Amino acid sequence: MASVDNGIIFTLLSQGTWRRWYLLKKQISLPNARRYRQELVISEDKMIILITGASHTGKTLLAQRMLEKYKFPYLSIDHLKMGLIRSGNTDLTPEDDDELTGYLWPIVSEIIKTAIENEQNLIIEGCYVPPDWRKDFDDSYLASVKFICLAMTEDYIEAHFNEIIGHESEIESRPIGEDRIIGDLKQCNRRFIDAFVDAGETVTLIEDNYLETIAKLTD
């Protein structure tokens, strides 16, 4: 293929992988494709849904609802974490939250890029997403990412604490841990709210009816 028309799908070989891109109002010959990389955009009909949030906010349940609606594949960052820990690929433990974010996020961000480049839909869920996650992507990637951050208000935690704990194993079987302490739960949610708002992100607050909040996100 020597050239392509405006707007049609084009395939090029980049770093050993065949990738498909949409062109932006250019007719580009194959030999010159690489120098026009900045003028290529990812297909907007493909989507990465990236879900993060504080402990016990229902990230996994939301991911499950998204899976049921969109039929997208689903990746749990927790599953990735445990696979790397149990296989001996890291000396980190499940309690090393801050270190785990620094360890896992570079892997997850490259998975996201790979999925976008290969025009694959994907739901990714987990707490190991840094507030400044956007700095690792240029605009062509960000256009394909739908980002959701969940957190609960302190009033909601006070009013629904037993219900929150009762639902923690609704999708996944999880052991009882010390994070059930209400003060720790409030602190975790406040930390997520402050960090992501300071980074300029929108945080979806669970203030009253949890199921209604989740339903709005899947509309």
C-alpha atoms as a PDB file:
ATOM      1  CA  MET A   1       0.000   0.000   0.000  1.00  0.00           C
ATOM      2  CA  ALA A   2       1.709   3.182  -1.181  1.00  0.00           C
ATOM      3  CA  SER A   3      -0.788   5.708   0.123  1.00  0.00           C
ATOM      4  CA  VAL A   4      -4.136   6.024   1.860  1.00  0.00           C
ATOM      5  CA  ASP A   5      -7.159   8.297   1.643  1.00  0.00           C
ATOM      6  CA  ASN A   6      -8.179  10.710   4.388  1.00  0.00           C
ATOM      7  CA  GLY A   7      -9.821   9.119   7.379  1.00  0.00           C
ATOM      8  CA  ILE A   8      -9.534   5.430   6.512  1.00  0.00           C
ATOM      9  CA  ILE A   9      -7.803   2.812   8.610  1.00  0.00           C
ATOM     10  CA  PHE A  10      -4.080   2.455   8.022  1.00  0.00           C
ATOM     11  CA  THR A  11      -1.696  -0.246   9.255  1.00  0.00           C
ATOM     12  CA  LEU A  12       1.985   0.239   9.968  1.00  0.00           C
ATOM     13  CA  LEU A  13       4.781  -1.744  11.500  1.00  0.00           C
ATOM     14  CA  SER A  14       6.084  -0.091  14.691  1.00  0.00           C
ATOM     15  CA  GLN A  15       8.551  -1.745  17.066  1.00  0.00           C
ATOM     16  CA  GLY A  16       7.676  -5.175  15.759  1.00  0.00           C
ATOM     17  CA  THR A  17       3.914  -4.844  16.200  1.00  0.00           C
ATOM     18  CA  TRP A  18       1.258  -4.204  13.541  1.00  0.00           C
ATOM     19  CA  ARG A  19      -0.912  -1.311  14.777  1.00  0.00           C
ATOM     20  CA  ARG A  20      -3.926   0.372  13.263  1.00  0.00           C
ATOM     21  CA  TRP A  21      -4.482   4.127  13.346  1.00  0.00           C
ATOM     22  CA  TYR A  22      -6.948   6.646  11.952  1.00  0.00           C
ATOM     23  CA  LEU A  23      -5.445   9.439   9.881  1.00  0.00           C
ATOM     24  CA  LEU A  24      -6.089  13.143  10.411  1.00  0.00           C
ATOM     25  CA  LYS A  25      -6.770  14.779   7.045  1.00  0.00           C
ATOM     26  CA  LYS A  26      -3.554  13.559   5.494  1.00  0.00           C
ATOM     27  CA  GLN A  27      -2.571  11.367   2.605  1.00  0.00           C
ATOM     28  CA  ILE A  28       0.560   9.663   3.898  1.00  0.00           C
ATOM     29  CA  SER A  29       2.788   7.268   2.033  1.00  0.00           C
ATOM     30  CA  LEU A  30       3.958   4.237   3.974  1.00  0.00           C
ATOM     31  CA  PRO A  31       7.662   5.272   4.101  1.00  0.00           C
ATOM     32  CA  ASN A  32       6.718   8.664   5.592  1.00  0.00           C
ATOM     33  CA  ALA A  33       4.212   7.378   8.132  1.00  0.00           C
ATOM     34  CA  ARG A  34       6.440   7.577  11.187  1.00  0.00           C
ATOM     35  CA  ARG A  35       7.165  11.294  10.829  1.00  0.00           C
ATOM     36  CA  TYR A  36       3.426  11.919  10.921  1.00  0.00           C
ATOM     37  CA  ARG A  37       2.939   9.986  14.159  1.00  0.00           C
ATOM     38  CA  GLN A  38       1.953  13.149  16.036  1.00  0.00           C
ATOM     39  CA  GLU A  39      -0.853  13.706  13.531  1.00  0.00           C
ATOM     40  CA  LEU A  40      -2.419  10.309  14.096  1.00  0.00           C
ATOM     41  CA  VAL A  41      -5.217   9.762  16.558  1.00  0.00           C
ATOM     42  CA  ILE A  42      -6.582   6.632  18.139  1.00  0.00           C
ATOM     43  CA  SER A  43      -9.984   5.424  16.971  1.00  0.00           C
ATOM     44  CA  GLU A  44     -12.596   7.001  19.252  1.00  0.00           C
ATOM     45  CA  ASP A  45     -15.014   4.095  19.040  1.00  0.00           C
ATOM     46  CA  LYS A  46     -12.766   2.040  21.325  1.00  0.00           C
ATOM     47  CA  MET A  47     -12.721   2.647  25.037  1.00  0.00           C
ATOM     48  CA  ILE A  48     -10.646   1.956  28.131  1.00  0.00           C
ATOM     49  CA  ILE A  49     -12.666   2.285  31.320  1.00  0.00           C
ATOM     50  CA  LEU A  50     -10.266   2.974  34.201  1.00  0.00           C
ATOM     51  CA  ILE A  51     -11.864   2.686  37.641  1.00  0.00           C
ATOM     52  CA  THR A  52     -10.129   3.598  40.871  1.00  0.00           C
ATOM     53  CA  GLY A  53     -11.176   4.735  44.314  1.00  0.00           C
ATOM     54  CA  ALA A  54     -10.847   4.297  48.021  1.00  0.00           C
ATOM     55  CA  SER A  55     -11.322   1.087  49.946  1.00  0.00           C
ATOM     56  CA  HIS A  56     -14.817  -0.436  49.989  1.00  0.00           C
ATOM     57  CA  THR A  57     -16.280   1.994  47.441  1.00  0.00           C
ATOM     58  CA  GLY A  58     -17.537  -0.786  45.172  1.00  0.00           C
ATOM     59  CA  LYS A  59     -14.944  -0.537  42.400  1.00  0.00           C
ATOM     60  CA  THR A  60     -15.232  -4.236  41.617  1.00  0.00           C
ATOM     61  CA  LEU A  61     -19.028  -4.130  41.600  1.00  0.00           C
ATOM     62  CA  LEU A  62     -18.966  -1.157  39.213  1.00  0.00           C
ATOM     63  CA  ALA A  63     -16.499  -2.980  36.958  1.00  0.00           C
ATOM     64  CA  GLN A  64     -18.821  -5.989  36.951  1.00  0.00           C
ATOM     65  CA  ARG A  65     -21.774  -3.779  35.956  1.00  0.00           C
ATOM     66  CA  MET A  66     -19.686  -2.201  33.198  1.00  0.00           C
ATOM     67  CA  LEU A  67     -18.687  -5.668  31.990  1.00  0.00           C
ATOM     68  CA  GLU A  68     -22.330  -6.735  31.860  1.00  0.00           C
ATOM     69  CA  LYS A  69     -23.319  -3.600  29.930  1.00  0.00           C
ATOM     70  CA  TYR A  70     -20.458  -3.248  27.448  1.00  0.00           C
ATOM     71  CA  LYS A  71     -19.214  -6.878  27.267  1.00  0.00           C
ATOM     72  CA  PHE A  72     -15.645  -5.561  27.559  1.00  0.00           C
ATOM     73  CA  PRO A  73     -12.822  -7.717  28.975  1.00  0.00           C
ATOM     74  CA  TYR A  74     -11.996  -6.902  32.592  1.00  0.00           C
ATOM     75  CA  LEU A  75      -8.630  -6.648  34.354  1.00  0.00           C
ATOM     76  CA  SER A  76      -8.374  -6.411  38.143  1.00  0.00           C
ATOM     77  CA  ILE A  77      -5.201  -4.672  39.292  1.00  0.00           C
ATOM     78  CA  ASP A  78      -5.582  -6.634  42.546  1.00  0.00           C
ATOM     79  CA  HIS A  79      -5.355  -9.880  40.582  1.00  0.00           C
ATOM     80  CA  LEU A  80      -2.266  -8.611  38.777  1.00  0.00           C
ATOM     81  CA  LYS A  81      -0.777  -7.628  42.133  1.00  0.00           C
ATOM     82  CA  MET A  82      -1.365 -11.014  43.716  1.00  0.00           C
ATOM     83  CA  GLY A  83      -0.059 -12.849  40.661  1.00  0.00           C
ATOM     84  CA  LEU A  84       3.206 -10.917  40.803  1.00  0.00           C
ATOM     85  CA  ILE A  85       3.528 -11.336  44.577  1.00  0.00           C
ATOM     86  CA  ARG A  86       2.667 -15.042  44.697  1.00  0.00           C
ATOM     87  CA  SER A  87       4.919 -15.855  41.745  1.00  0.00           C
ATOM     88  CA  GLY A  88       7.890 -14.283  43.516  1.00  0.00           C
ATOM     89  CA  ASN A  89       8.359 -11.525  40.939  1.00  0.00           C
ATOM     90  CA  THR A  90       8.423  -8.921  43.724  1.00  0.00           C
ATOM     91  CA  ASP A  91       9.291  -8.836  47.422  1.00  0.00           C
ATOM     92  CA  LEU A  92       6.438  -6.413  48.077  1.00  0.00           C
ATOM     93  CA  THR A  93       3.487  -7.580  50.176  1.00  0.00           C
ATOM     94  CA  PRO A  94      -0.237  -6.717  49.930  1.00  0.00           C
ATOM     95  CA  GLU A  95       0.276  -4.249  52.803  1.00  0.00           C
ATOM     96  CA  ASP A  96       2.810  -2.143  50.863  1.00  0.00           C
ATOM     97  CA  ASP A  97       0.205   0.100  49.251  1.00  0.00           C
ATOM     98  CA  ASP A  98       2.364   3.107  48.341  1.00  0.00           C
ATOM     99  CA  GLU A  99       5.184   0.984  46.960  1.00  0.00           C
ATOM    100  CA  LEU A 100       2.716  -1.197  45.063  1.00  0.00           C
ATOM    101  CA  THR A 101       1.291   1.807  43.215  1.00  0.00           C
ATOM    102  CA  GLY A 102       4.770   2.735  42.013  1.00  0.00           C
ATOM    103  CA  TYR A 103       5.439  -0.879  41.037  1.00  0.00           C
ATOM    104  CA  LEU A 104       2.127  -1.739  39.380  1.00  0.00           C
ATOM    105  CA  TRP A 105       1.136   1.483  37.631  1.00  0.00           C
ATOM    106  CA  PRO A 106       3.926   1.444  34.999  1.00  0.00           C
ATOM    107  CA  ILE A 107       2.757  -2.047  34.041  1.00  0.00           C
ATOM    108  CA  VAL A 108      -0.919  -1.065  33.972  1.00  0.00           C
ATOM    109  CA  SER A 109      -0.272   2.116  31.965  1.00  0.00           C
ATOM    110  CA  GLU A 110       1.542   0.146  29.277  1.00  0.00           C
ATOM    111  CA  ILE A 111      -1.293  -2.398  29.177  1.00  0.00           C
ATOM    112  CA  ILE A 112      -3.662   0.525  28.554  1.00  0.00           C
ATOM    113  CA  LYS A 113      -1.503   1.865  25.725  1.00  0.00           C
ATOM    114  CA  THR A 114      -1.233  -1.563  24.145  1.00  0.00           C
ATOM    115  CA  ALA A 115      -5.008  -2.078  24.259  1.00  0.00           C
ATOM    116  CA  ILE A 116      -5.640   1.325  22.670  1.00  0.00           C
ATOM    117  CA  GLU A 117      -3.029   0.773  19.967  1.00  0.00           C
ATOM    118  CA  ASN A 118      -4.611  -2.566  19.108  1.00  0.00           C
ATOM    119  CA  GLU A 119      -8.141  -1.095  19.200  1.00  0.00           C
ATOM    120  CA  GLN A 120      -9.259  -3.309  22.075  1.00  0.00           C
ATOM    121  CA  ASN A 121     -11.833  -2.348  24.671  1.00  0.00           C
ATOM    122  CA  LEU A 122     -10.883  -2.985  28.297  1.00  0.00           C
ATOM    123  CA  ILE A 123     -12.128  -2.334  31.832  1.00  0.00           C
ATOM    124  CA  ILE A 124      -9.356  -1.896  34.414  1.00  0.00           C
ATOM    125  CA  GLU A 125     -10.153  -1.595  38.107  1.00  0.00           C
ATOM    126  CA  GLY A 126      -8.090  -1.113  41.234  1.00  0.00           C
ATOM    127  CA  CYS A 127      -6.785   1.350  43.783  1.00  0.00           C
ATOM    128  CA  TYR A 128      -3.206   1.400  42.454  1.00  0.00           C
ATOM    129  CA  VAL A 129      -3.688   4.399  40.162  1.00  0.00           C
ATOM    130  CA  PRO A 130      -1.720   7.569  40.957  1.00  0.00           C
ATOM    131  CA  PRO A 131      -3.581  10.907  41.017  1.00  0.00           C
ATOM    132  CA  ASP A 132      -1.315  12.241  38.243  1.00  0.00           C
ATOM    133  CA  TRP A 133      -1.916   9.213  35.993  1.00  0.00           C
ATOM    134  CA  ARG A 134      -2.633  11.398  32.955  1.00  0.00           C
ATOM    135  CA  LYS A 135       1.009  12.503  32.661  1.00  0.00           C
ATOM    136  CA  ASP A 136       1.882   9.036  31.349  1.00  0.00           C
ATOM    137  CA  PHE A 137      -0.303   9.427  28.232  1.00  0.00           C
ATOM    138  CA  ASP A 138      -0.451  11.884  25.373  1.00  0.00           C
ATOM    139  CA  ASP A 139      -3.766  13.277  24.171  1.00  0.00           C
ATOM    140  CA  SER A 140      -4.263  10.595  21.519  1.00  0.00           C
ATOM    141  CA  TYR A 141      -4.387   7.934  24.252  1.00  0.00           C
ATOM    142  CA  LEU A 142      -6.386  10.015  26.751  1.00  0.00           C
ATOM    143  CA  ALA A 143      -9.157  10.454  24.182  1.00  0.00           C
ATOM    144  CA  SER A 144      -9.893   6.724  24.535  1.00  0.00           C
ATOM    145  CA  VAL A 145      -9.873   6.568  28.351  1.00  0.00           C
ATOM    146  CA  LYS A 146     -12.973   6.979  30.485  1.00  0.00           C
ATOM    147  CA  PHE A 147     -11.771   7.614  34.058  1.00  0.00           C
ATOM    148  CA  ILE A 148     -13.868   7.041  37.176  1.00  0.00           C
ATOM    149  CA  CYS A 149     -12.748   7.690  40.749  1.00  0.00           C
ATOM    150  CA  LEU A 150     -15.054   6.645  43.595  1.00  0.00           C
ATOM    151  CA  ALA A 151     -15.042   7.858  47.187  1.00  0.00           C
ATOM    152  CA  MET A 152     -17.505   7.957  50.079  1.00  0.00           C
ATOM    153  CA  THR A 153     -18.260  10.965  52.230  1.00  0.00           C
ATOM    154  CA  GLU A 154     -17.748  10.737  55.979  1.00  0.00           C
ATOM    155  CA  ASP A 155     -21.491  11.150  56.560  1.00  0.00           C
ATOM    156  CA  TYR A 156     -22.194   8.220  54.246  1.00  0.00           C
ATOM    157  CA  ILE A 157     -19.639   6.054  56.033  1.00  0.00           C
ATOM    158  CA  GLU A 158     -21.162   6.931  59.421  1.00  0.00           C
ATOM    159  CA  ALA A 159     -24.684   6.150  58.264  1.00  0.00           C
ATOM    160  CA  HIS A 160     -23.919   3.007  56.255  1.00  0.00           C
ATOM    161  CA  PHE A 161     -20.852   1.472  57.879  1.00  0.00           C
ATOM    162  CA  ASN A 162     -22.352  -1.962  58.577  1.00  0.00           C
ATOM    163  CA  GLU A 163     -23.859  -2.072  55.091  1.00  0.00           C
ATOM    164  CA  ILE A 164     -20.499  -1.136  53.521  1.00  0.00           C
ATOM    165  CA  ILE A 165     -18.746  -3.940  55.355  1.00  0.00           C
ATOM    166  CA  GLY A 166     -21.558  -6.365  54.579  1.00  0.00           C
ATOM    167  CA  HIS A 167     -21.116  -5.790  50.851  1.00  0.00           C
ATOM    168  CA  GLU A 168     -17.334  -6.009  50.735  1.00  0.00           C
ATOM    169  CA  SER A 169     -17.467  -9.608  49.470  1.00  0.00           C
ATOM    170  CA  GLU A 170     -20.376  -9.124  47.070  1.00  0.00           C
ATOM    171  CA  ILE A 171     -18.251  -9.825  43.994  1.00  0.00           C
ATOM    172  CA  GLU A 172     -14.976 -11.146  45.387  1.00  0.00           C
ATOM    173  CA  SER A 173     -14.356 -13.280  48.464  1.00  0.00           C
ATOM    174  CA  ARG A 174     -12.140 -11.231  50.747  1.00  0.00           C
ATOM    175  CA  PRO A 175     -10.742 -11.866  54.218  1.00  0.00           C
ATOM    176  CA  ILE A 176     -11.783  -9.697  57.122  1.00  0.00           C
ATOM    177  CA  GLY A 177      -9.106  -7.081  57.765  1.00  0.00           C
ATOM    178  CA  GLU A 178      -8.300  -4.175  60.050  1.00  0.00           C
ATOM    179  CA  ASP A 179      -9.502  -1.724  57.409  1.00  0.00           C
ATOM    180  CA  ARG A 180     -12.985  -2.373  58.752  1.00  0.00           C
ATOM    181  CA  ILE A 181     -12.252   0.180  61.447  1.00  0.00           C
ATOM    182  CA  ILE A 182     -14.460   3.150  60.652  1.00  0.00           C
ATOM    183  CA  GLY A 183     -11.754   5.730  61.292  1.00  0.00           C
ATOM    184  CA  ASP A 184      -9.414   4.045  58.808  1.00  0.00           C
ATOM    185  CA  LEU A 185     -12.177   3.907  56.230  1.00  0.00           C
ATOM    186  CA  LYS A 186     -12.865   7.632  56.589  1.00  0.00           C
ATOM    187  CA  GLN A 187      -9.179   8.445  56.355  1.00  0.00           C
ATOM    188  CA  CYS A 188      -8.708   6.334  53.230  1.00  0.00           C
ATOM    189  CA  ASN A 189     -11.629   7.993  51.449  1.00  0.00           C
ATOM    190  CA  ARG A 190     -10.562  11.491  52.485  1.00  0.00           C
ATOM    191  CA  ARG A 191      -7.043  10.804  51.186  1.00  0.00           C
ATOM    192  CA  PHE A 192      -8.405   9.741  47.792  1.00  0.00           C
ATOM    193  CA  ILE A 193     -10.714  12.750  47.566  1.00  0.00           C
ATOM    194  CA  ASP A 194      -7.978  15.246  48.439  1.00  0.00           C
ATOM    195  CA  ALA A 195      -5.326  13.686  46.190  1.00  0.00           C
ATOM    196  CA  PHE A 196      -7.458  13.314  43.066  1.00  0.00           C
ATOM    197  CA  VAL A 197      -9.234  16.668  43.415  1.00  0.00           C
ATOM    198  CA  ASP A 198      -5.845  18.360  43.872  1.00  0.00           C
ATOM    199  CA  ALA A 199      -4.737  16.649  40.643  1.00  0.00           C
ATOM    200  CA  GLY A 200      -7.728  18.156  38.817  1.00  0.00           C
ATOM    201  CA  GLU A 201      -9.763  14.960  38.590  1.00  0.00           C
ATOM    202  CA  THR A 202     -13.491  14.591  39.117  1.00  0.00           C
ATOM    203  CA  VAL A 203     -14.318  12.322  42.049  1.00  0.00           C
ATOM    204  CA  THR A 204     -17.709  10.598  42.105  1.00  0.00           C
ATOM    205  CA  LEU A 205     -18.879  10.963  45.695  1.00  0.00           C
ATOM    206  CA  ILE A 206     -21.123   8.356  47.268  1.00  0.00           C
ATOM    207  CA  GLU A 207     -23.243  10.536  49.536  1.00  0.00           C
ATOM    208  CA  ASP A 208     -26.653   8.932  49.838  1.00  0.00           C
ATOM    209  CA  ASN A 209     -27.763   6.016  47.676  1.00  0.00           C
ATOM    210  CA  TYR A 210     -24.873   3.844  46.541  1.00  0.00           C
ATOM    211  CA  LEU A 211     -26.791   1.816  43.954  1.00  0.00           C
ATOM    212  CA  GLU A 212     -28.222   4.951  42.349  1.00  0.00           C
ATOM    213  CA  THR A 213     -24.726   6.417  42.107  1.00  0.00           C
ATOM    214  CA  ILE A 214     -23.438   3.260  40.405  1.00  0.00           C
ATOM    215  CA  ALA A 215     -26.464   3.160  38.094  1.00  0.00           C
ATOM    216  CA  LYS A 216     -25.780   6.735  36.892  1.00  0.00           C
ATOM    217  CA  LEU A 217     -22.217   5.770  36.008  1.00  0.00           C
ATOM    218  CA  THR A 218     -23.444   2.909  33.826  1.00  0.00           C
ATOM    219  CA  ASP A 219     -26.178   4.906  32.033  1.00  0.00           C
END
